[in-house]
Every structure is written in C-alpha cells, then in structure tokens.
C-alpha cells in the first residue's frame, strides 16, 4: 500500500483548491479524526484530548452519527468541531457525482434536523473518504459553500502492516506549524491510535505546538 505520509508541495500546488495545511505564525496545528463516532473509541479520544486542553476536528460518517448522536453531542459540548465525511463513507472516484452530492446533503439533513439530538449545526467543512474525490464533485461542493479539507500529515493508523512505533513516527516526524494531521477514531485504527495518540500529544506539547480546530 502506497500513500503520502507528508503531502508534497507539488500535490498541494496541483490541487490548490483543497486545503492541505493552514500556515501560521502561531505554531498552530490541526488534529483531525476520521470515520467516527465510534462507541468507546471516540470517547477515549475525547478524554486524551482533554488532558492537554487540545481542540480537534472530527470528520464523521453520517450513518455513525445517526447511530450514536450522544457522542457527537459530547464532542461539540467539549468545544471540538464536526466535519462532513459523507453519510455512507463513499469513494468519490467510484460514485456518480449526483449520488455523491446527495450523500453529502443527507449528512447535512441529519445534523440540521430539529427532531434530532444534534440540530442546527452549520458545518461546512468536508473531507472526502479515502481522499478520493472527482473534480466535478469538488467543484459542486465548493459552489454550495464547502471547504474541502485534505491533510499535510497522515498517521496511517489504519494500516495493520505497519508497527505502532512507525505510526507514531508518521504522525510526528513531519509536523510543522499549520499542519493538518489525520488520525481515525475507528475500530480498525484503534490498536495503533491507542499507542500513538497519547505519545503524539505529549510530543506536540513539548515542541510548543498549539492545538486548534477547523471551521
């Protein structure tokens, strides 16, 4: 399996309409968690973040929100932000544009439903599952107000073929001010996440990084 651990400048330049990092002079970095909410795992992540007064962004799957709205309610109460990761974790390259957009809007309707425990959230940040999205899909999402958030640093916590130590190296080695870092609060990623996240948070704190959420 090949993937970019540190997204190179060439990729960022070609796909400049996507947000890969947020350069700043305040040593701010942006922790993100994909694929939740997942019972116990997302709640564990929230506990670890709280130990460092760290804010983060959770790109959630709509179907998981529907099943576990109380967890999303908790992450919002703790000052984190919520991002759209489609309702059914769709691969944009394999999905017709209309179907893809309808799935994004289904997520929207879930978080704005007044009958839901989560309502009136105005999230307009989006991360494509697998990082795979067609230009036609991206164009239409931007037209309806979405910022498309990619990443600068990939932990690869979902990859069972790497060690937990390698995952930690991936997550910390290439971080600079403005980096957007990807973790996953999923069952698949948790063996690596459980090892990596506490150590990464300590490392970032020691290096003087400030944790910010995306909006």
N, C-alpha and C. Protein backbone atom coordinates (compact mmCIF):
# COMPACT_ATOMS: atom_id res chain seq x y z
N UNK A 1 0.85 -1.20 0.00
CA UNK A 1 0.00 0.00 0.00
C UNK A 1 0.88 1.25 0.00
N UNK A 2 0.63 2.15 -0.95
CA UNK A 2 1.41 3.39 -1.02
C UNK A 2 0.54 4.58 -0.67
N UNK A 3 1.09 5.48 0.13
CA UNK A 3 0.38 6.72 0.44
C UNK A 3 1.42 7.75 0.87
N UNK A 4 1.01 9.01 0.75
CA UNK A 4 1.90 10.10 1.18
C UNK A 4 1.77 10.29 2.68
N UNK A 5 2.87 10.14 3.42
CA UNK A 5 2.86 10.46 4.85
C UNK A 5 2.93 11.97 5.04
N UNK A 6 3.76 12.62 4.23
CA UNK A 6 3.85 14.08 4.20
C UNK A 6 3.47 14.53 2.80
N UNK A 7 2.39 15.24 2.66
CA UNK A 7 1.93 15.66 1.34
C UNK A 7 2.92 16.65 0.74
N UNK A 8 3.41 16.35 -0.45
CA UNK A 8 4.46 17.21 -1.02
C UNK A 8 3.90 18.48 -1.67
N UNK A 9 4.76 19.41 -1.90
CA UNK A 9 4.36 20.73 -2.42
C UNK A 9 3.76 20.63 -3.81
N UNK A 10 4.24 19.67 -4.60
CA UNK A 10 3.74 19.51 -5.97
C UNK A 10 2.26 19.15 -5.95
N UNK A 11 1.88 18.21 -5.08
CA UNK A 11 0.47 17.80 -4.97
C UNK A 11 -0.38 18.98 -4.49
N UNK A 12 0.12 19.70 -3.49
CA UNK A 12 -0.62 20.84 -2.95
C UNK A 12 -0.82 21.92 -4.02
N UNK A 13 0.18 22.10 -4.89
CA UNK A 13 0.09 23.12 -5.93
C UNK A 13 -0.91 22.71 -7.01
N UNK A 14 -0.88 21.43 -7.41
CA UNK A 14 -1.81 20.95 -8.44
C UNK A 14 -3.25 21.06 -7.97
N UNK A 15 -3.48 20.67 -6.71
CA UNK A 15 -4.83 20.68 -6.15
C UNK A 15 -4.96 21.82 -5.15
N UNK A 16 -4.71 23.02 -5.63
CA UNK A 16 -4.67 24.19 -4.75
C UNK A 16 -6.05 24.63 -4.26
N UNK A 17 -7.11 24.07 -4.85
CA UNK A 17 -8.46 24.41 -4.38
C UNK A 17 -8.83 23.64 -3.10
N UNK A 18 -7.99 22.68 -2.74
CA UNK A 18 -8.21 21.94 -1.50
C UNK A 18 -7.32 22.55 -0.41
N UNK A 19 -7.73 22.37 0.84
CA UNK A 19 -6.94 22.88 1.97
C UNK A 19 -6.09 21.73 2.51
N UNK A 20 -4.78 21.86 2.38
CA UNK A 20 -3.85 20.82 2.82
C UNK A 20 -3.20 21.17 4.15
N UNK A 21 -3.03 22.45 4.39
CA UNK A 21 -2.46 22.93 5.64
C UNK A 21 -2.89 24.38 5.82
N UNK A 22 -2.62 24.94 6.98
CA UNK A 22 -3.01 26.32 7.26
C UNK A 22 -1.79 27.03 7.86
N UNK A 23 -0.88 27.52 7.00
CA UNK A 23 0.33 28.17 7.50
C UNK A 23 -0.01 29.32 8.45
N UNK A 24 0.74 29.41 9.53
CA UNK A 24 0.51 30.47 10.52
C UNK A 24 1.78 30.70 11.31
N UNK A 25 1.82 31.84 11.99
CA UNK A 25 3.00 32.18 12.80
C UNK A 25 2.79 31.86 14.27
N UNK A 26 1.66 31.22 14.60
CA UNK A 26 1.34 30.94 16.00
C UNK A 26 1.62 29.52 16.43
N UNK A 27 2.35 28.75 15.58
CA UNK A 27 2.68 27.36 15.91
C UNK A 27 1.43 26.49 16.08
N UNK A 28 0.38 26.85 15.37
CA UNK A 28 -0.88 26.10 15.48
C UNK A 28 -0.86 24.88 14.56
N UNK A 29 -1.38 23.76 15.08
CA UNK A 29 -1.56 22.57 14.28
C UNK A 29 -3.01 22.09 14.43
N UNK A 30 -3.44 21.22 13.52
CA UNK A 30 -4.85 20.85 13.45
C UNK A 30 -4.99 19.32 13.44
N UNK A 31 -5.38 18.77 14.57
CA UNK A 31 -5.60 17.33 14.68
C UNK A 31 -6.99 17.01 14.13
N UNK A 32 -7.06 15.98 13.30
CA UNK A 32 -8.36 15.57 12.76
C UNK A 32 -8.53 14.06 12.94
N UNK A 33 -9.80 13.66 13.12
CA UNK A 33 -10.13 12.25 13.32
C UNK A 33 -11.26 11.88 12.37
N UNK A 34 -11.02 10.85 11.56
CA UNK A 34 -11.98 10.43 10.55
C UNK A 34 -12.72 9.15 10.95
N UNK A 35 -13.92 9.01 10.42
CA UNK A 35 -14.69 7.75 10.40
C UNK A 35 -15.53 7.45 11.63
N UNK A 36 -15.50 8.29 12.66
CA UNK A 36 -16.35 8.08 13.82
C UNK A 36 -17.76 8.62 13.57
N UNK A 37 -18.53 8.81 14.64
CA UNK A 37 -18.17 8.44 16.01
C UNK A 37 -18.28 6.94 16.24
N UNK A 38 -17.37 6.43 17.07
CA UNK A 38 -17.33 5.01 17.40
C UNK A 38 -17.42 4.87 18.91
N UNK A 39 -18.42 4.13 19.41
CA UNK A 39 -18.56 3.98 20.86
C UNK A 39 -17.24 3.58 21.51
N UNK A 40 -16.98 4.18 22.64
CA UNK A 40 -15.79 3.95 23.47
C UNK A 40 -14.53 4.56 22.85
N UNK A 41 -14.29 4.33 21.56
CA UNK A 41 -13.06 4.84 20.95
C UNK A 41 -13.09 6.37 20.85
N UNK A 42 -14.15 6.93 20.30
CA UNK A 42 -14.25 8.39 20.21
C UNK A 42 -14.24 9.01 21.60
N UNK A 43 -14.91 8.38 22.53
CA UNK A 43 -14.94 8.90 23.90
C UNK A 43 -13.56 8.84 24.54
N UNK A 44 -12.80 7.80 24.24
CA UNK A 44 -11.41 7.71 24.71
C UNK A 44 -10.58 8.85 24.10
N UNK A 45 -10.75 9.10 22.82
CA UNK A 45 -10.04 10.20 22.16
C UNK A 45 -10.36 11.52 22.85
N UNK A 46 -11.63 11.75 23.16
CA UNK A 46 -12.03 12.99 23.82
C UNK A 46 -11.33 13.13 25.18
N UNK A 47 -11.20 12.04 25.89
CA UNK A 47 -10.52 12.07 27.19
C UNK A 47 -9.04 12.42 27.03
N UNK A 48 -8.40 11.82 26.02
CA UNK A 48 -6.98 12.11 25.80
C UNK A 48 -6.77 13.56 25.39
N UNK A 49 -7.63 14.08 24.54
CA UNK A 49 -7.53 15.48 24.13
C UNK A 49 -7.71 16.42 25.32
N UNK A 50 -8.64 16.07 26.19
CA UNK A 50 -8.93 16.93 27.34
C UNK A 50 -7.73 17.04 28.27
N UNK A 51 -6.92 16.00 28.36
CA UNK A 51 -5.74 16.02 29.22
C UNK A 51 -4.77 17.14 28.80
N UNK A 52 -4.81 17.51 27.54
CA UNK A 52 -3.90 18.53 27.01
C UNK A 52 -4.63 19.80 26.61
N UNK A 53 -5.89 19.89 26.97
CA UNK A 53 -6.72 21.03 26.57
C UNK A 53 -6.62 21.24 25.06
N UNK A 54 -6.63 20.12 24.32
CA UNK A 54 -6.46 20.16 22.87
C UNK A 54 -7.81 20.12 22.16
N UNK A 55 -7.99 21.02 21.22
CA UNK A 55 -9.19 21.01 20.39
C UNK A 55 -8.88 20.30 19.07
N UNK A 56 -9.87 19.64 18.51
CA UNK A 56 -9.66 18.86 17.29
C UNK A 56 -10.92 18.92 16.42
N UNK A 57 -10.81 18.33 15.25
CA UNK A 57 -11.93 18.29 14.30
C UNK A 57 -12.23 16.83 13.98
N UNK A 58 -13.51 16.47 14.03
CA UNK A 58 -13.94 15.11 13.78
C UNK A 58 -14.74 15.06 12.48
N UNK A 59 -14.17 14.40 11.47
CA UNK A 59 -14.88 14.20 10.20
C UNK A 59 -15.66 12.89 10.31
N UNK A 60 -16.92 13.03 10.63
CA UNK A 60 -17.75 11.88 10.98
C UNK A 60 -18.54 11.35 9.79
N UNK A 61 -18.85 10.07 9.86
CA UNK A 61 -19.73 9.42 8.89
C UNK A 61 -21.16 9.60 9.37
N UNK A 62 -22.03 10.08 8.47
CA UNK A 62 -23.40 10.37 8.88
C UNK A 62 -24.13 9.19 9.49
N UNK A 63 -23.95 8.01 8.93
CA UNK A 63 -24.63 6.84 9.45
C UNK A 63 -24.18 6.53 10.88
N UNK A 64 -22.92 6.81 11.19
CA UNK A 64 -22.44 6.61 12.56
C UNK A 64 -23.02 7.65 13.51
N UNK A 65 -23.20 8.88 13.01
CA UNK A 65 -23.85 9.91 13.83
C UNK A 65 -25.29 9.50 14.14
N UNK A 66 -25.98 8.97 13.15
CA UNK A 66 -27.36 8.55 13.33
C UNK A 66 -27.46 7.48 14.42
N UNK A 67 -26.47 6.60 14.47
CA UNK A 67 -26.47 5.51 15.46
C UNK A 67 -26.03 5.98 16.84
N UNK A 68 -25.15 6.99 16.88
CA UNK A 68 -24.56 7.41 18.15
C UNK A 68 -24.56 8.93 18.31
N UNK A 69 -25.71 9.58 18.26
CA UNK A 69 -25.75 11.05 18.32
C UNK A 69 -25.22 11.61 19.63
N UNK A 70 -25.34 10.82 20.70
CA UNK A 70 -24.90 11.31 22.01
C UNK A 70 -23.39 11.57 22.04
N UNK A 71 -22.63 10.81 21.25
CA UNK A 71 -21.18 11.01 21.22
C UNK A 71 -20.84 12.31 20.51
N UNK A 72 -21.54 12.60 19.43
CA UNK A 72 -21.31 13.86 18.71
C UNK A 72 -21.73 15.04 19.58
N UNK A 73 -22.81 14.89 20.29
CA UNK A 73 -23.26 15.92 21.21
C UNK A 73 -22.16 16.21 22.24
N UNK A 74 -21.50 15.16 22.71
CA UNK A 74 -20.44 15.32 23.70
C UNK A 74 -19.22 16.03 23.10
N UNK A 75 -18.85 15.68 21.87
CA UNK A 75 -17.66 16.32 21.30
C UNK A 75 -17.91 17.80 21.00
N UNK A 76 -19.15 18.13 20.62
CA UNK A 76 -19.49 19.54 20.42
C UNK A 76 -19.47 20.29 21.76
N UNK A 77 -20.01 19.67 22.79
CA UNK A 77 -20.03 20.29 24.12
C UNK A 77 -18.62 20.56 24.63
N UNK A 78 -17.66 19.74 24.21
CA UNK A 78 -16.28 19.89 24.67
C UNK A 78 -15.48 20.86 23.80
N UNK A 79 -16.15 21.47 22.83
CA UNK A 79 -15.51 22.53 22.06
C UNK A 79 -14.79 22.10 20.80
N UNK A 80 -15.03 20.87 20.35
CA UNK A 80 -14.43 20.39 19.11
C UNK A 80 -15.35 20.72 17.94
N UNK A 81 -14.86 20.56 16.72
CA UNK A 81 -15.70 20.85 15.56
C UNK A 81 -16.01 19.57 14.78
N UNK A 82 -17.11 19.63 14.03
CA UNK A 82 -17.62 18.50 13.28
C UNK A 82 -17.49 18.77 11.79
N UNK A 83 -17.01 17.77 11.05
CA UNK A 83 -16.91 17.88 9.61
C UNK A 83 -17.68 16.78 8.91
N UNK A 84 -18.07 17.03 7.67
CA UNK A 84 -18.84 16.10 6.85
C UNK A 84 -17.89 15.12 6.15
N UNK A 85 -18.17 13.81 6.32
CA UNK A 85 -17.35 12.76 5.72
C UNK A 85 -18.24 11.84 4.88
N UNK A 86 -19.32 12.42 4.36
CA UNK A 86 -20.42 11.75 3.66
C UNK A 86 -21.25 10.92 4.65
N UNK A 87 -22.42 10.53 4.22
CA UNK A 87 -23.29 9.73 5.09
C UNK A 87 -22.87 8.26 5.13
N UNK A 88 -22.35 7.77 4.00
CA UNK A 88 -22.03 6.34 3.90
C UNK A 88 -20.58 6.03 3.55
N UNK A 89 -19.68 6.98 3.81
CA UNK A 89 -18.25 6.78 3.55
C UNK A 89 -18.01 6.37 2.09
N UNK A 90 -18.47 7.21 1.18
CA UNK A 90 -18.39 6.89 -0.24
C UNK A 90 -17.03 7.24 -0.84
N UNK A 91 -16.59 6.38 -1.73
CA UNK A 91 -15.40 6.63 -2.53
C UNK A 91 -15.82 7.47 -3.74
N UNK A 92 -15.37 8.71 -3.79
CA UNK A 92 -15.80 9.62 -4.85
C UNK A 92 -15.43 9.15 -6.23
N UNK A 93 -14.29 8.48 -6.37
CA UNK A 93 -13.86 8.01 -7.68
C UNK A 93 -14.81 6.95 -8.24
N UNK A 94 -15.51 6.24 -7.36
CA UNK A 94 -16.37 5.14 -7.78
C UNK A 94 -17.86 5.49 -7.73
N UNK A 95 -18.16 6.77 -7.43
CA UNK A 95 -19.55 7.17 -7.21
C UNK A 95 -19.95 8.28 -8.18
N UNK A 96 -21.09 8.15 -8.85
CA UNK A 96 -21.57 9.24 -9.72
C UNK A 96 -21.72 10.54 -8.92
N UNK A 97 -21.48 11.65 -9.58
CA UNK A 97 -21.46 12.94 -8.88
C UNK A 97 -22.77 13.25 -8.17
N UNK A 98 -23.90 13.03 -8.82
CA UNK A 98 -25.18 13.33 -8.18
C UNK A 98 -25.38 12.48 -6.92
N UNK A 99 -25.06 11.20 -7.01
CA UNK A 99 -25.20 10.32 -5.85
C UNK A 99 -24.29 10.77 -4.71
N UNK A 100 -23.10 11.21 -5.07
CA UNK A 100 -22.13 11.67 -4.07
C UNK A 100 -22.65 12.92 -3.36
N UNK A 101 -23.13 13.88 -4.14
CA UNK A 101 -23.65 15.12 -3.56
C UNK A 101 -24.88 14.86 -2.71
N UNK A 102 -25.74 13.96 -3.16
CA UNK A 102 -26.93 13.62 -2.37
C UNK A 102 -26.53 13.01 -1.02
N UNK A 103 -25.45 12.25 -1.02
CA UNK A 103 -24.98 11.62 0.22
C UNK A 103 -24.41 12.66 1.18
N UNK A 104 -23.72 13.65 0.63
CA UNK A 104 -23.22 14.76 1.44
C UNK A 104 -24.39 15.53 2.05
N UNK A 105 -25.42 15.77 1.24
CA UNK A 105 -26.59 16.52 1.71
C UNK A 105 -27.40 15.72 2.72
N UNK A 106 -27.37 14.39 2.62
CA UNK A 106 -28.04 13.55 3.61
C UNK A 106 -27.39 13.73 4.97
N UNK A 107 -26.06 13.83 4.99
CA UNK A 107 -25.34 14.16 6.22
C UNK A 107 -25.83 15.50 6.76
N UNK A 108 -25.92 16.50 5.88
CA UNK A 108 -26.37 17.84 6.27
C UNK A 108 -27.75 17.79 6.92
N UNK A 109 -28.66 17.05 6.31
CA UNK A 109 -30.03 17.00 6.82
C UNK A 109 -30.08 16.36 8.20
N UNK A 110 -29.16 15.43 8.45
CA UNK A 110 -29.11 14.76 9.75
C UNK A 110 -28.75 15.74 10.86
N UNK A 111 -27.74 16.57 10.63
CA UNK A 111 -27.28 17.45 11.71
C UNK A 111 -28.10 18.73 11.81
N UNK A 112 -29.03 18.93 10.88
CA UNK A 112 -29.88 20.12 10.97
C UNK A 112 -31.34 19.76 11.25
N UNK A 113 -31.58 18.50 11.58
CA UNK A 113 -32.94 18.04 11.87
C UNK A 113 -33.33 18.41 13.29
N UNK A 114 -34.31 19.28 13.48
CA UNK A 114 -34.68 19.72 14.84
C UNK A 114 -35.20 18.59 15.72
N UNK A 115 -35.59 17.45 15.12
CA UNK A 115 -36.05 16.31 15.91
C UNK A 115 -34.89 15.46 16.42
N UNK A 116 -33.70 15.75 15.93
CA UNK A 116 -32.52 15.01 16.34
C UNK A 116 -31.91 15.62 17.59
N UNK A 117 -31.11 14.83 18.32
CA UNK A 117 -30.40 15.35 19.47
C UNK A 117 -29.35 16.37 19.03
N UNK A 118 -28.92 16.25 17.79
CA UNK A 118 -27.96 17.20 17.24
C UNK A 118 -28.70 18.03 16.21
N UNK A 119 -28.78 19.30 16.41
CA UNK A 119 -29.50 20.11 15.43
C UNK A 119 -28.86 21.49 15.32
N UNK A 120 -29.17 22.12 14.20
CA UNK A 120 -28.73 23.49 13.95
C UNK A 120 -27.21 23.65 13.89
N UNK A 121 -26.50 22.55 13.56
CA UNK A 121 -25.07 22.68 13.32
C UNK A 121 -24.87 23.14 11.88
N UNK A 122 -23.98 24.07 11.68
CA UNK A 122 -23.78 24.65 10.35
C UNK A 122 -22.40 24.28 9.80
N UNK A 123 -22.05 23.02 9.89
CA UNK A 123 -20.73 22.58 9.44
C UNK A 123 -20.61 22.68 7.93
N UNK A 124 -19.57 23.37 7.47
CA UNK A 124 -19.33 23.48 6.03
C UNK A 124 -17.88 23.10 5.71
N UNK A 125 -17.36 22.14 6.46
CA UNK A 125 -16.05 21.59 6.13
C UNK A 125 -16.26 20.13 5.75
N UNK A 126 -15.51 19.70 4.75
CA UNK A 126 -15.73 18.37 4.17
C UNK A 126 -14.40 17.69 3.90
N UNK A 127 -14.33 16.42 4.26
CA UNK A 127 -13.17 15.61 3.87
C UNK A 127 -13.66 14.40 3.10
N UNK A 128 -13.17 14.20 1.89
CA UNK A 128 -13.59 13.04 1.10
C UNK A 128 -13.02 11.74 1.68
N UNK A 129 -13.86 10.73 1.90
CA UNK A 129 -13.34 9.44 2.33
C UNK A 129 -12.25 8.93 1.40
N UNK A 130 -11.21 8.37 1.97
CA UNK A 130 -10.04 7.86 1.23
C UNK A 130 -9.26 8.98 0.54
N UNK A 131 -9.69 10.23 0.70
CA UNK A 131 -9.07 11.33 -0.04
C UNK A 131 -9.38 11.30 -1.52
N UNK A 132 -10.42 10.56 -1.91
CA UNK A 132 -10.73 10.35 -3.33
C UNK A 132 -12.00 11.11 -3.71
N UNK A 133 -11.83 12.09 -4.56
CA UNK A 133 -12.96 12.92 -4.98
C UNK A 133 -12.72 13.40 -6.41
N UNK A 134 -13.75 13.38 -7.24
CA UNK A 134 -13.64 13.87 -8.61
C UNK A 134 -13.68 15.40 -8.62
N UNK A 135 -13.06 15.99 -9.63
CA UNK A 135 -13.06 17.45 -9.73
C UNK A 135 -14.48 17.99 -9.86
N UNK A 136 -15.36 17.25 -10.53
CA UNK A 136 -16.76 17.69 -10.68
C UNK A 136 -17.47 17.72 -9.32
N UNK A 137 -17.17 16.75 -8.49
CA UNK A 137 -17.76 16.70 -7.15
C UNK A 137 -17.23 17.84 -6.29
N UNK A 138 -15.93 18.05 -6.35
CA UNK A 138 -15.32 19.12 -5.56
C UNK A 138 -15.85 20.48 -5.97
N UNK A 139 -16.00 20.69 -7.27
CA UNK A 139 -16.49 21.97 -7.78
C UNK A 139 -17.89 22.27 -7.24
N UNK A 140 -18.77 21.28 -7.30
CA UNK A 140 -20.14 21.48 -6.83
C UNK A 140 -20.20 21.68 -5.32
N UNK A 141 -19.34 20.99 -4.58
CA UNK A 141 -19.31 21.17 -3.13
C UNK A 141 -18.86 22.59 -2.77
N UNK A 142 -17.86 23.09 -3.49
CA UNK A 142 -17.41 24.46 -3.23
C UNK A 142 -18.51 25.46 -3.59
N UNK A 143 -19.28 25.15 -4.61
CA UNK A 143 -20.37 26.06 -5.02
C UNK A 143 -21.44 26.18 -3.95
N UNK A 144 -21.62 25.15 -3.13
CA UNK A 144 -22.61 25.23 -2.06
C UNK A 144 -21.97 25.55 -0.70
N UNK A 145 -20.73 26.05 -0.77
CA UNK A 145 -20.12 26.63 0.42
C UNK A 145 -19.16 25.78 1.21
N UNK A 146 -18.82 24.61 0.70
CA UNK A 146 -17.92 23.74 1.46
C UNK A 146 -16.45 24.08 1.24
N UNK A 147 -15.67 23.97 2.31
CA UNK A 147 -14.22 23.94 2.21
C UNK A 147 -13.82 22.46 2.21
N UNK A 148 -12.97 22.08 1.26
CA UNK A 148 -12.53 20.69 1.17
C UNK A 148 -11.20 20.55 1.88
N UNK A 149 -11.22 19.83 2.98
CA UNK A 149 -10.06 19.69 3.86
C UNK A 149 -9.34 18.38 3.58
N UNK A 150 -8.11 18.46 3.15
CA UNK A 150 -7.29 17.27 2.97
C UNK A 150 -6.33 17.16 4.17
N UNK A 151 -5.04 16.94 3.93
CA UNK A 151 -4.13 16.83 5.06
C UNK A 151 -2.70 17.07 4.62
N UNK A 152 -1.90 17.43 5.60
CA UNK A 152 -0.47 17.64 5.41
C UNK A 152 0.31 16.42 5.90
N UNK A 153 -0.19 15.80 6.98
CA UNK A 153 0.49 14.66 7.60
C UNK A 153 -0.51 13.53 7.83
N UNK A 154 -0.15 12.33 7.40
CA UNK A 154 -1.01 11.15 7.53
C UNK A 154 -0.36 10.16 8.51
N UNK A 155 -1.07 9.83 9.59
CA UNK A 155 -0.51 8.89 10.56
C UNK A 155 -0.50 7.45 10.04
N UNK A 156 -1.45 7.12 9.14
CA UNK A 156 -1.64 5.76 8.62
C UNK A 156 -1.96 4.78 9.75
N UNK A 157 -2.70 5.26 10.73
CA UNK A 157 -3.05 4.40 11.87
C UNK A 157 -3.94 3.23 11.47
N UNK A 158 -4.58 3.33 10.31
CA UNK A 158 -5.46 2.26 9.82
C UNK A 158 -4.69 1.09 9.18
N UNK A 159 -3.40 1.26 8.95
CA UNK A 159 -2.61 0.28 8.21
C UNK A 159 -2.04 -0.76 9.16
N UNK A 160 -2.63 -1.96 9.16
CA UNK A 160 -2.19 -3.04 10.06
C UNK A 160 -0.80 -3.57 9.69
N UNK A 161 -0.30 -3.21 8.51
CA UNK A 161 1.00 -3.72 8.08
C UNK A 161 2.17 -2.94 8.69
N UNK A 162 1.89 -1.79 9.28
CA UNK A 162 2.97 -1.04 9.92
C UNK A 162 2.90 -1.23 11.43
N UNK A 163 3.98 -0.94 12.11
CA UNK A 163 4.01 -1.06 13.57
C UNK A 163 3.43 0.19 14.22
N UNK A 164 3.08 0.07 15.48
CA UNK A 164 2.59 1.23 16.23
C UNK A 164 3.68 2.29 16.32
N UNK A 165 4.93 1.85 16.43
CA UNK A 165 6.05 2.79 16.50
C UNK A 165 6.19 3.58 15.20
N UNK A 166 5.98 2.90 14.07
CA UNK A 166 6.04 3.58 12.78
C UNK A 166 4.89 4.57 12.64
N UNK A 167 3.74 4.20 13.15
CA UNK A 167 2.58 5.10 13.13
C UNK A 167 2.90 6.38 13.89
N UNK A 168 3.52 6.24 15.05
CA UNK A 168 3.90 7.41 15.85
C UNK A 168 4.91 8.28 15.09
N UNK A 169 5.86 7.65 14.44
CA UNK A 169 6.83 8.39 13.64
C UNK A 169 6.13 9.15 12.51
N UNK A 170 5.20 8.48 11.83
CA UNK A 170 4.45 9.13 10.76
C UNK A 170 3.74 10.38 11.26
N UNK A 171 3.14 10.26 12.45
CA UNK A 171 2.31 11.33 12.99
C UNK A 171 3.10 12.53 13.50
N UNK A 172 4.37 12.33 13.82
CA UNK A 172 5.13 13.39 14.49
C UNK A 172 6.31 13.94 13.68
N UNK A 173 6.92 13.10 12.87
CA UNK A 173 8.20 13.46 12.24
C UNK A 173 8.11 14.69 11.34
N UNK A 174 7.04 14.82 10.58
CA UNK A 174 6.96 15.87 9.56
C UNK A 174 6.03 17.02 9.90
N UNK A 175 5.63 17.12 11.17
CA UNK A 175 4.70 18.17 11.56
C UNK A 175 5.40 19.52 11.66
N UNK A 176 4.78 20.52 11.05
CA UNK A 176 5.27 21.90 11.16
C UNK A 176 4.07 22.79 11.49
N UNK A 177 4.32 24.02 11.82
CA UNK A 177 3.23 24.95 12.10
C UNK A 177 2.28 24.99 10.92
N UNK A 178 1.00 24.77 11.19
CA UNK A 178 0.00 24.76 10.14
C UNK A 178 -0.41 23.39 9.65
N UNK A 179 0.29 22.35 10.09
CA UNK A 179 -0.02 21.00 9.62
C UNK A 179 -1.43 20.56 10.01
N UNK A 180 -2.09 19.88 9.08
CA UNK A 180 -3.35 19.19 9.35
C UNK A 180 -3.00 17.71 9.40
N UNK A 181 -3.26 17.07 10.53
CA UNK A 181 -2.82 15.70 10.79
C UNK A 181 -4.03 14.77 10.87
N UNK A 182 -3.93 13.61 10.20
CA UNK A 182 -5.06 12.68 10.15
C UNK A 182 -4.85 11.48 11.06
N UNK A 183 -5.83 11.27 11.94
CA UNK A 183 -5.99 10.04 12.70
C UNK A 183 -7.39 9.49 12.39
N UNK A 184 -7.68 8.30 12.89
CA UNK A 184 -9.00 7.69 12.70
C UNK A 184 -9.52 7.16 14.04
N UNK A 185 -10.72 7.57 14.43
CA UNK A 185 -11.33 7.04 15.66
C UNK A 185 -12.25 5.88 15.26
N UNK A 186 -11.62 4.83 14.73
CA UNK A 186 -12.35 3.66 14.24
C UNK A 186 -11.81 2.40 14.90
N UNK A 187 -12.59 1.34 14.82
CA UNK A 187 -12.16 0.05 15.39
C UNK A 187 -10.88 -0.43 14.71
N UNK A 188 -10.83 -0.29 13.39
CA UNK A 188 -9.67 -0.75 12.62
C UNK A 188 -8.38 -0.05 13.04
N UNK A 189 -8.47 1.25 13.31
CA UNK A 189 -7.27 2.04 13.62
C UNK A 189 -6.88 2.01 15.09
N UNK A 190 -7.78 1.60 15.95
CA UNK A 190 -7.57 1.80 17.38
C UNK A 190 -6.30 1.14 17.93
N UNK A 191 -5.91 -0.07 17.50
CA UNK A 191 -4.66 -0.62 18.04
C UNK A 191 -3.46 0.31 17.89
N UNK A 192 -3.38 0.99 16.75
CA UNK A 192 -2.29 1.96 16.55
C UNK A 192 -2.59 3.28 17.25
N UNK A 193 -3.83 3.72 17.18
CA UNK A 193 -4.21 5.00 17.78
C UNK A 193 -3.99 5.00 19.29
N UNK A 194 -4.32 3.91 19.93
CA UNK A 194 -4.19 3.82 21.39
C UNK A 194 -2.74 4.01 21.82
N UNK A 195 -1.82 3.52 21.02
CA UNK A 195 -0.40 3.70 21.31
C UNK A 195 0.08 5.10 20.91
N UNK A 196 -0.36 5.54 19.74
CA UNK A 196 0.21 6.75 19.15
C UNK A 196 -0.30 8.06 19.73
N UNK A 197 -1.61 8.16 19.92
CA UNK A 197 -2.18 9.47 20.27
C UNK A 197 -1.63 10.06 21.56
N UNK A 198 -1.58 9.31 22.68
CA UNK A 198 -1.05 9.93 23.91
C UNK A 198 0.39 10.40 23.74
N UNK A 199 1.21 9.61 23.06
CA UNK A 199 2.62 9.98 22.86
C UNK A 199 2.74 11.17 21.91
N UNK A 200 1.91 11.18 20.87
CA UNK A 200 1.95 12.30 19.93
C UNK A 200 1.53 13.60 20.61
N UNK A 201 0.50 13.54 21.43
CA UNK A 201 0.04 14.74 22.14
C UNK A 201 1.13 15.28 23.05
N UNK A 202 1.82 14.39 23.75
CA UNK A 202 2.93 14.82 24.61
C UNK A 202 4.05 15.45 23.79
N UNK A 203 4.36 14.83 22.66
CA UNK A 203 5.42 15.34 21.78
C UNK A 203 5.07 16.73 21.27
N UNK A 204 3.85 16.89 20.78
CA UNK A 204 3.43 18.19 20.24
C UNK A 204 3.47 19.27 21.32
N UNK A 205 3.04 18.91 22.52
CA UNK A 205 3.03 19.86 23.63
C UNK A 205 4.46 20.29 23.98
N UNK A 206 5.37 19.33 24.02
CA UNK A 206 6.77 19.62 24.34
C UNK A 206 7.41 20.52 23.28
N UNK A 207 6.97 20.37 22.03
CA UNK A 207 7.50 21.18 20.93
C UNK A 207 6.85 22.56 20.85
N UNK A 208 5.91 22.82 21.74
CA UNK A 208 5.27 24.13 21.78
C UNK A 208 4.16 24.35 20.77
N UNK A 209 3.64 23.27 20.20
CA UNK A 209 2.52 23.41 19.26
C UNK A 209 1.24 23.73 20.00
N UNK A 210 0.36 24.46 19.34
CA UNK A 210 -0.94 24.84 19.88
C UNK A 210 -2.01 24.11 19.07
N UNK A 211 -2.94 23.46 19.75
CA UNK A 211 -3.95 22.65 19.09
C UNK A 211 -5.18 23.49 18.77
N UNK A 212 -5.57 23.54 17.49
CA UNK A 212 -6.72 24.31 17.07
C UNK A 212 -7.68 23.41 16.28
N UNK A 213 -8.95 23.77 16.28
CA UNK A 213 -9.93 23.06 15.47
C UNK A 213 -10.14 23.81 14.16
N UNK A 214 -10.68 23.10 13.19
CA UNK A 214 -11.01 23.70 11.90
C UNK A 214 -12.46 24.18 11.88
N UNK A 215 -12.73 25.17 11.09
CA UNK A 215 -14.11 25.66 10.99
C UNK A 215 -14.34 26.23 9.59
